[in-house]
Amino acid sequence: MMKGIVFTENGVEVSDELEVAAPGPKQVKVNVMAAGVCHSDVSVINGTIPWKPPAVLGHEGAGIVAEVGSEVTSVKPGDHVVIATLANCGVCRACSSGHPTWCMRSLGNVSQPFTYKGQPASNFAAVSVFVESTIISEIQAIKIPDDVPFASACLIGCGVLTGVGAVLNRAKVRPGETAAVFGVGGIGLNVIQGLDIAGATRIVGVDMLASKEGLAREFGATDFIDASKEDAVARIHELIPMNSESAAGALSPFGGVTYSFDCVGHAAVLRNALDVLDWGGTAVAIGIPPQGTEVGVDINALAYVDRTLMGCRYGSARPHQDVPLMVDLYRSGKLKLDELVTMKRPIDGFQEIIDAMHEGKVARGVLEIGAL
């Protein structure tokens, strides 16, 4: 038996009545050492993301390979790995052309590698890392150097790839461009530092909590707006007005930012992200709202001024390329990982992290599950 966090019909609980299967031929068993607590896990608990119980939660993890299937060749027992949530096939047209987030086989990968109180229990997001040991596909295990701390490395598996990837892979922000980031949580902070890495010259963080300003600026924001007290759209147009020499499109008569990122997943926030765009600007939808959520926009406000609205799944990541890149950026001091971890708790402290998230007190809370 082992301990883990289970989503049940009655909510969520920490249970020590879990077991996990042996890995199949192309699977890897990982002893989870650390796991980040992401809003997507909270979204399962509160019903925003529909999920059938019982299921073991968690999708942002790092650990040590414990056992491999007979056909696994890329990792071996003892290897330190970041676990990617993307269980793509690796051979289809999307995967072969460098777009694994477009892989149809990466959707709906629900299996039941666990038993909970003797009954089958499913995984979540093809991963499940709020547990002492988990089973993943070989393609999801990306080896990392042994000197990268697990509590920092685990964040690469979701928050870092999603946020930084949205900037570098999807939006492809260039030096000198400007941006607004709506929502300064774990994803938003990684968007901000991705923009800083990309060379954006003006990065405006927007949040309903004034307490987020310090973190936003630490990770690269040049400006911060407390949206609980100010009209964020009007304020951004004041900060980066038409013909401003600080804006990327200095000759534009429009004003606003070149890029905006909705890291909240709310129709009103996404509409704000569109309304702050300069001529030719792009809004990137990252946050996940409830299914069926729609946003209204005057088509002329897109077509006539070359604006773009784009979605972004998992930072358009190519995990086997991007995870090593994130590690290299971290080891060179260009990517902040240690600073993202503002709260650590054992698995029994899960609710403490959830409460702190709701109160806006953490950048990322991490569960320390295994011990070396």
Protein backbone atom coordinates (compact mmCIF):
# COMPACT_ATOMS: atom_id res chain seq x y z
CA MET A 1 0.00 0.00 0.00
CA MET A 2 1.05 3.60 -0.58
CA LYS A 3 -0.19 7.12 0.16
CA GLY A 4 -1.75 9.52 -2.32
CA ILE A 5 -4.41 12.18 -2.89
CA VAL A 6 -7.65 10.81 -4.31
CA PHE A 7 -10.58 12.62 -5.88
CA THR A 8 -13.72 10.80 -4.76
CA GLU A 9 -17.46 11.30 -5.02
CA ASN A 10 -17.26 13.09 -1.66
CA GLY A 11 -14.45 15.47 -2.60
CA VAL A 12 -10.75 14.87 -2.07
CA GLU A 13 -8.88 12.91 0.56
CA VAL A 14 -5.39 11.79 1.50
CA SER A 15 -5.46 8.00 1.52
CA ASP A 16 -2.95 5.28 2.36
CA GLU A 17 -5.08 2.63 0.66
CA LEU A 18 -3.63 2.92 -2.84
CA GLU A 19 -1.74 0.42 -4.97
CA VAL A 20 -0.20 0.81 -8.43
CA ALA A 21 0.28 -1.76 -11.19
CA ALA A 22 3.60 -2.90 -12.63
CA PRO A 23 4.67 -1.03 -15.79
CA GLY A 24 3.69 -2.41 -19.18
CA PRO A 25 6.24 -2.94 -22.00
CA LYS A 26 6.38 0.76 -22.95
CA GLN A 27 5.73 2.20 -19.50
CA VAL A 28 7.85 3.57 -16.69
CA LYS A 29 7.23 3.41 -12.96
CA VAL A 30 8.42 6.54 -11.17
CA ASN A 31 8.85 7.10 -7.46
CA VAL A 32 7.53 10.65 -7.15
CA MET A 33 9.79 12.92 -5.13
CA ALA A 34 8.03 16.28 -5.52
CA ALA A 35 4.81 17.54 -7.08
CA GLY A 36 3.57 21.06 -7.73
CA VAL A 37 -0.04 21.91 -6.90
CA CYS A 38 -1.63 23.50 -9.97
CA HIS A 39 -5.00 25.21 -10.46
CA SER A 40 -5.99 22.41 -12.84
CA ASP A 41 -6.00 20.04 -9.86
CA VAL A 42 -8.23 22.50 -8.00
CA SER A 43 -10.46 22.71 -11.09
CA VAL A 44 -11.13 18.97 -10.84
CA ILE A 45 -12.05 19.29 -7.19
CA ASN A 46 -14.44 22.21 -7.76
CA GLY A 47 -15.97 20.74 -10.91
CA THR A 48 -14.60 23.18 -13.48
CA ILE A 49 -12.85 20.24 -15.16
CA PRO A 50 -15.26 17.27 -15.21
CA TRP A 51 -13.51 14.10 -14.04
CA LYS A 52 -14.87 10.74 -13.02
CA PRO A 53 -13.95 9.58 -9.51
CA PRO A 54 -12.12 7.86 -8.05
CA ALA A 55 -8.92 9.30 -9.51
CA VAL A 56 -5.45 10.04 -8.20
CA LEU A 57 -4.71 13.73 -8.76
CA GLY A 58 -1.55 15.67 -9.60
CA HIS A 59 0.13 16.33 -12.94
CA GLU A 60 3.27 18.40 -12.22
CA GLY A 61 5.96 16.09 -10.94
CA ALA A 62 9.54 14.88 -10.82
CA GLY A 63 11.04 11.75 -9.39
CA ILE A 64 13.29 8.73 -9.76
CA VAL A 65 12.70 5.90 -12.19
CA ALA A 66 11.95 2.76 -10.18
CA GLU A 67 11.16 0.23 -12.90
CA VAL A 68 10.85 0.16 -16.68
CA GLY A 69 8.94 -2.01 -19.13
CA SER A 70 10.64 -4.52 -21.40
CA GLU A 71 10.64 -2.20 -24.45
CA VAL A 72 11.78 1.02 -22.71
CA THR A 73 15.19 2.28 -23.86
CA SER A 74 15.38 6.02 -23.06
CA VAL A 75 15.49 5.82 -19.24
CA LYS A 76 16.59 3.28 -16.66
CA PRO A 77 16.06 2.71 -12.94
CA GLY A 78 17.78 5.38 -10.88
CA ASP A 79 17.41 8.15 -13.48
CA HIS A 80 16.03 11.48 -12.29
CA VAL A 81 13.15 12.59 -14.50
CA VAL A 82 10.67 15.37 -15.06
CA ILE A 83 7.25 13.95 -15.86
CA ALA A 84 5.47 15.55 -18.82
CA THR A 85 1.69 15.46 -18.87
CA LEU A 86 1.71 15.10 -22.64
CA ALA A 87 1.26 11.42 -23.52
CA ASN A 88 1.60 11.90 -27.27
CA CYS A 89 2.20 9.00 -29.63
CA GLY A 90 5.52 10.24 -31.05
CA VAL A 91 4.94 8.97 -34.58
CA CYS A 92 1.93 10.75 -36.13
CA ARG A 93 2.15 13.73 -38.49
CA ALA A 94 1.73 16.22 -35.63
CA CYS A 95 4.45 14.62 -33.51
CA SER A 96 6.80 14.17 -36.47
CA SER A 97 6.43 17.82 -37.49
CA GLY A 98 7.30 19.11 -34.02
CA HIS A 99 3.76 19.73 -32.74
CA PRO A 100 3.13 17.02 -30.13
CA THR A 101 0.40 19.11 -28.45
CA TRP A 102 -1.62 18.59 -31.66
CA CYS A 103 -1.39 14.80 -31.37
CA MET A 104 -4.88 13.29 -31.26
CA ARG A 105 -3.65 10.38 -29.17
CA SER A 106 -2.57 12.79 -26.43
CA LEU A 107 -6.24 13.52 -25.68
CA GLY A 108 -8.37 11.43 -23.36
CA ASN A 109 -5.55 9.24 -22.10
CA VAL A 110 -7.41 7.96 -19.07
CA SER A 111 -6.30 4.62 -17.69
CA GLN A 112 -6.65 2.83 -14.37
CA PRO A 113 -3.18 1.95 -13.12
CA PHE A 114 -4.27 2.34 -9.48
CA THR A 115 -6.55 0.61 -7.05
CA TYR A 116 -8.18 2.57 -4.23
CA LYS A 117 -9.59 0.52 -1.37
CA GLY A 118 -9.34 -2.47 -3.69
CA GLN A 119 -11.33 -0.86 -6.53
CA PRO A 120 -9.95 0.48 -9.85
CA ALA A 121 -8.95 4.16 -9.79
CA SER A 122 -7.99 6.28 -12.77
CA ASN A 123 -5.09 8.60 -13.39
CA PHE A 124 -5.41 12.33 -14.07
CA ALA A 125 -3.91 14.14 -17.08
CA ALA A 126 -2.11 10.91 -18.02
CA VAL A 127 0.13 11.38 -15.00
CA SER A 128 -1.06 11.34 -11.34
CA VAL A 129 1.84 12.56 -9.21
CA PHE A 130 0.11 13.16 -5.86
CA VAL A 131 1.15 9.65 -4.95
CA GLU A 132 4.29 7.83 -3.88
CA SER A 133 4.65 5.91 -7.16
CA THR A 134 2.99 6.31 -10.55
CA ILE A 135 2.95 4.73 -14.00
CA ILE A 136 3.54 6.80 -17.16
CA SER A 137 4.36 6.24 -20.82
CA GLU A 138 8.04 6.22 -21.72
CA ILE A 139 7.61 9.37 -23.82
CA GLN A 140 6.53 11.26 -20.67
CA ALA A 141 9.76 10.61 -18.76
CA ILE A 142 12.46 13.18 -19.55
CA LYS A 143 15.81 12.63 -17.89
CA ILE A 144 17.37 15.56 -16.02
CA PRO A 145 20.73 16.05 -14.27
CA ASP A 146 20.89 14.72 -10.73
CA ASP A 147 21.85 18.14 -9.32
CA VAL A 148 18.53 19.81 -10.18
CA PRO A 149 16.38 19.87 -7.00
CA PHE A 150 13.17 17.86 -7.36
CA ALA A 151 11.03 20.62 -5.80
CA SER A 152 12.15 22.98 -8.55
CA ALA A 153 12.32 20.43 -11.37
CA CYS A 154 8.73 19.28 -10.86
CA LEU A 155 7.43 22.72 -11.86
CA ILE A 156 8.89 22.34 -15.34
CA GLY A 157 6.41 19.53 -16.02
CA CYS A 158 3.44 21.87 -16.28
CA GLY A 159 3.63 25.48 -15.05
CA VAL A 160 6.98 26.35 -16.58
CA LEU A 161 6.42 24.64 -19.93
CA THR A 162 2.92 26.14 -20.15
CA GLY A 163 3.92 29.71 -19.27
CA VAL A 164 7.36 30.06 -20.81
CA GLY A 165 6.29 27.92 -23.77
CA ALA A 166 3.32 30.19 -24.49
CA VAL A 167 5.80 33.03 -24.99
CA LEU A 168 8.63 31.28 -26.82
CA ASN A 169 6.81 28.56 -28.76
CA ARG A 170 3.30 29.85 -29.43
CA ALA A 171 3.44 33.65 -29.45
CA LYS A 172 7.11 33.75 -30.49
CA VAL A 173 7.65 37.10 -28.80
CA ARG A 174 10.62 39.04 -30.15
CA PRO A 175 13.00 41.49 -28.45
CA GLY A 176 11.54 44.98 -28.02
CA GLU A 177 7.89 43.92 -27.98
CA THR A 178 5.43 44.69 -25.17
CA ALA A 179 3.00 42.54 -23.24
CA ALA A 180 0.30 42.40 -20.59
CA VAL A 181 -0.16 39.32 -18.40
CA PHE A 182 -3.57 38.85 -16.79
CA GLY A 183 -3.29 36.66 -13.70
CA VAL A 184 -0.03 36.55 -11.75
CA GLY A 185 -0.25 33.00 -10.42
CA GLY A 186 2.04 30.10 -11.21
CA ILE A 187 1.36 30.23 -14.96
CA GLY A 188 1.38 34.03 -15.13
CA LEU A 189 4.75 34.29 -13.40
CA ASN A 190 6.21 31.89 -15.95
CA VAL A 191 4.71 33.92 -18.79
CA ILE A 192 6.33 37.00 -17.25
CA GLN A 193 9.76 35.41 -17.00
CA GLY A 194 9.33 33.95 -20.49
CA LEU A 195 8.72 37.50 -21.76
CA ASP A 196 11.80 38.69 -19.91
CA ILE A 197 13.89 35.91 -21.47
CA ALA A 198 12.47 36.79 -24.91
CA GLY A 199 13.55 40.42 -24.51
CA ALA A 200 10.19 42.16 -24.12
CA THR A 201 10.80 45.76 -23.04
CA ARG A 202 7.50 46.43 -21.27
CA ILE A 203 5.77 43.70 -19.26
CA VAL A 204 2.59 44.68 -17.41
CA GLY A 205 1.34 42.27 -14.74
CA VAL A 206 -2.38 42.45 -13.89
CA ASP A 207 -4.02 40.82 -10.88
CA MET A 208 -6.89 41.33 -8.45
CA LEU A 209 -4.49 41.01 -5.51
CA ALA A 210 -2.08 43.85 -4.83
CA SER A 211 0.11 41.40 -2.91
CA LYS A 212 1.16 39.82 -6.22
CA GLU A 213 3.13 42.92 -7.27
CA GLY A 214 6.38 41.93 -5.56
CA LEU A 215 6.52 38.54 -7.23
CA ALA A 216 5.49 39.97 -10.58
CA ARG A 217 8.35 42.45 -10.52
CA GLU A 218 10.84 39.85 -9.23
CA PHE A 219 10.08 37.67 -12.26
CA GLY A 220 10.44 40.52 -14.77
CA ALA A 221 7.32 42.72 -14.79
CA THR A 222 8.10 46.38 -15.44
CA ASP A 223 4.63 47.52 -14.33
CA PHE A 224 1.81 46.17 -12.18
CA ILE A 225 -1.91 46.93 -12.08
CA ASP A 226 -4.20 46.10 -9.18
CA ALA A 227 -7.34 45.27 -11.15
CA SER A 228 -9.45 45.42 -7.99
CA LYS A 229 -8.88 49.17 -7.85
CA GLU A 230 -8.15 50.25 -11.43
CA ASP A 231 -9.60 49.71 -14.89
CA ALA A 232 -6.81 47.53 -16.28
CA VAL A 233 -7.65 48.25 -19.92
CA ALA A 234 -7.65 52.02 -19.46
CA ARG A 235 -4.50 51.91 -17.34
CA ILE A 236 -2.57 49.84 -19.91
CA HIS A 237 -3.47 52.31 -22.64
CA GLU A 238 -2.19 55.08 -20.34
CA LEU A 239 1.06 53.21 -19.72
CA ILE A 240 1.61 52.43 -23.42
CA PRO A 241 -0.27 55.13 -25.34
CA MET A 242 -0.48 55.68 -29.08
CA ASN A 243 2.81 56.61 -30.69
CA SER A 244 4.66 55.82 -27.46
CA GLU A 245 8.35 55.39 -28.14
CA SER A 246 8.37 52.59 -25.54
CA ALA A 247 5.94 50.50 -27.55
CA ALA A 248 7.11 48.03 -30.15
CA GLY A 249 4.85 49.49 -32.84
CA ALA A 250 6.02 53.06 -32.35
CA LEU A 251 4.35 54.24 -35.57
CA SER A 252 0.98 52.73 -34.66
CA PRO A 253 -1.89 55.17 -33.99
CA PHE A 254 -3.58 52.61 -31.76
CA GLY A 255 -1.61 52.15 -28.55
CA GLY A 256 -1.58 49.19 -26.20
CA VAL A 257 0.58 46.07 -26.08
CA THR A 258 1.89 43.77 -28.78
CA TYR A 259 0.89 40.66 -26.84
CA SER A 260 -1.51 39.85 -24.02
CA PHE A 261 -1.92 36.61 -22.11
CA ASP A 262 -5.05 35.44 -20.28
CA CYS A 263 -3.73 33.14 -17.55
CA VAL A 264 -7.02 33.18 -15.64
CA GLY A 265 -9.49 31.42 -17.93
CA HIS A 266 -12.40 33.86 -17.68
CA ALA A 267 -14.41 35.38 -20.54
CA ALA A 268 -14.22 38.93 -19.13
CA VAL A 269 -10.46 38.64 -18.64
CA LEU A 270 -9.95 37.38 -22.18
CA ARG A 271 -12.03 40.27 -23.50
CA ASN A 272 -9.77 42.65 -21.56
CA ALA A 273 -6.77 40.91 -23.08
CA LEU A 274 -8.18 41.68 -26.53
CA ASP A 275 -9.04 45.26 -25.68
CA VAL A 276 -5.48 46.17 -24.63
CA LEU A 277 -3.92 45.10 -27.94
CA ASP A 278 -2.12 47.49 -30.23
CA TRP A 279 -2.63 47.37 -33.99
CA GLY A 280 -1.45 43.92 -35.10
CA GLY A 281 -1.40 42.62 -31.53
CA THR A 282 -2.06 39.06 -30.37
CA ALA A 283 -4.02 37.76 -27.37
CA VAL A 284 -3.12 34.29 -26.11
CA ALA A 285 -5.72 32.25 -24.21
CA ILE A 286 -3.98 29.97 -21.70
CA GLY A 287 -6.32 29.67 -18.72
CA ILE A 288 -9.03 26.99 -18.84
CA PRO A 289 -12.59 28.17 -18.08
CA PRO A 290 -15.65 25.93 -17.64
CA GLN A 291 -16.69 24.12 -20.82
CA GLY A 292 -18.96 26.20 -23.03
CA THR A 293 -17.51 29.57 -21.98
CA GLU A 294 -17.67 32.11 -24.81
CA VAL A 295 -16.18 35.56 -25.39
CA GLY A 296 -17.76 38.28 -27.51
CA VAL A 297 -15.72 40.62 -29.71
CA ASP A 298 -16.43 42.96 -32.59
CA ILE A 299 -14.97 41.16 -35.61
CA ASN A 300 -13.81 44.51 -37.01
CA ALA A 301 -11.65 44.90 -33.93
CA LEU A 302 -9.77 41.84 -35.18
CA ALA A 303 -9.98 41.88 -38.97
CA TYR A 304 -9.53 45.57 -39.68
CA VAL A 305 -6.49 46.01 -37.46
CA ASP A 306 -4.74 42.64 -37.91
CA ARG A 307 -5.30 41.50 -34.35
CA THR A 308 -5.12 37.81 -33.45
CA LEU A 309 -6.74 35.62 -30.81
CA MET A 310 -4.96 32.29 -30.35
CA GLY A 311 -5.25 29.38 -27.98
CA CYS A 312 -2.28 27.65 -26.43
CA ARG A 313 -2.21 24.14 -25.05
CA TYR A 314 0.61 23.22 -22.68
CA GLY A 315 2.85 26.00 -24.00
CA SER A 316 2.91 24.31 -27.44
CA ALA A 317 5.66 22.32 -25.76
CA ARG A 318 7.97 19.74 -27.25
CA PRO A 319 8.90 18.19 -23.90
CA HIS A 320 12.00 16.28 -25.02
CA GLN A 321 13.41 19.51 -26.43
CA ASP A 322 11.95 22.05 -24.03
CA VAL A 323 12.57 20.35 -20.68
CA PRO A 324 16.37 20.22 -21.29
CA LEU A 325 16.18 23.83 -22.50
CA MET A 326 14.43 24.90 -19.28
CA VAL A 327 17.06 23.05 -17.24
CA ASP A 328 19.85 24.82 -19.16
CA LEU A 329 18.19 28.20 -18.64
CA TYR A 330 17.82 27.41 -14.94
CA ARG A 331 21.42 26.31 -14.48
CA SER A 332 22.64 29.46 -16.27
CA GLY A 333 20.58 31.68 -13.96
CA LYS A 334 18.17 32.89 -16.66
CA LEU A 335 15.11 30.93 -15.49
CA LYS A 336 13.81 31.16 -11.94
CA LEU A 337 12.65 27.84 -10.54
CA ASP A 338 13.72 27.88 -6.88
CA GLU A 339 12.04 31.27 -6.48
CA LEU A 340 8.72 29.86 -7.72
CA VAL A 341 8.56 27.49 -4.77
CA THR A 342 7.11 29.58 -1.95
CA MET A 343 5.57 26.78 0.09
CA LYS A 344 6.55 23.15 0.74
CA ARG A 345 4.48 20.60 2.59
CA PRO A 346 4.33 16.82 2.97
CA ILE A 347 1.47 15.09 1.22
CA ASP A 348 -0.71 15.45 4.32
CA GLY A 349 -0.38 19.23 3.98
CA PHE A 350 -2.22 19.36 0.66
CA GLN A 351 -5.14 21.40 2.04
CA GLU A 352 -2.75 23.98 3.49
CA ILE A 353 -1.39 24.63 0.01
CA ILE A 354 -4.91 24.81 -1.46
CA ASP A 355 -5.92 27.37 1.18
CA ALA A 356 -2.81 29.45 0.52
CA MET A 357 -3.53 29.38 -3.22
CA HIS A 358 -7.05 30.71 -2.66
CA GLU A 359 -5.61 33.49 -0.50
CA GLY A 360 -3.00 34.40 -3.11
CA LYS A 361 -0.11 33.67 -0.75
CA VAL A 362 1.94 31.32 -2.95
CA ALA A 363 3.60 31.38 -6.32
CA ARG A 364 3.70 27.59 -6.34
CA GLY A 365 3.14 25.17 -3.50
CA VAL A 366 5.03 21.89 -3.71
CA LEU A 367 4.31 18.55 -2.06
CA GLU A 368 7.46 16.76 -0.96
CA ILE A 369 6.42 13.16 -1.36
CA GLY A 370 9.50 10.95 -1.57
CA ALA A 371 12.75 11.01 0.37
CA LEU A 372 16.27 10.29 -0.85
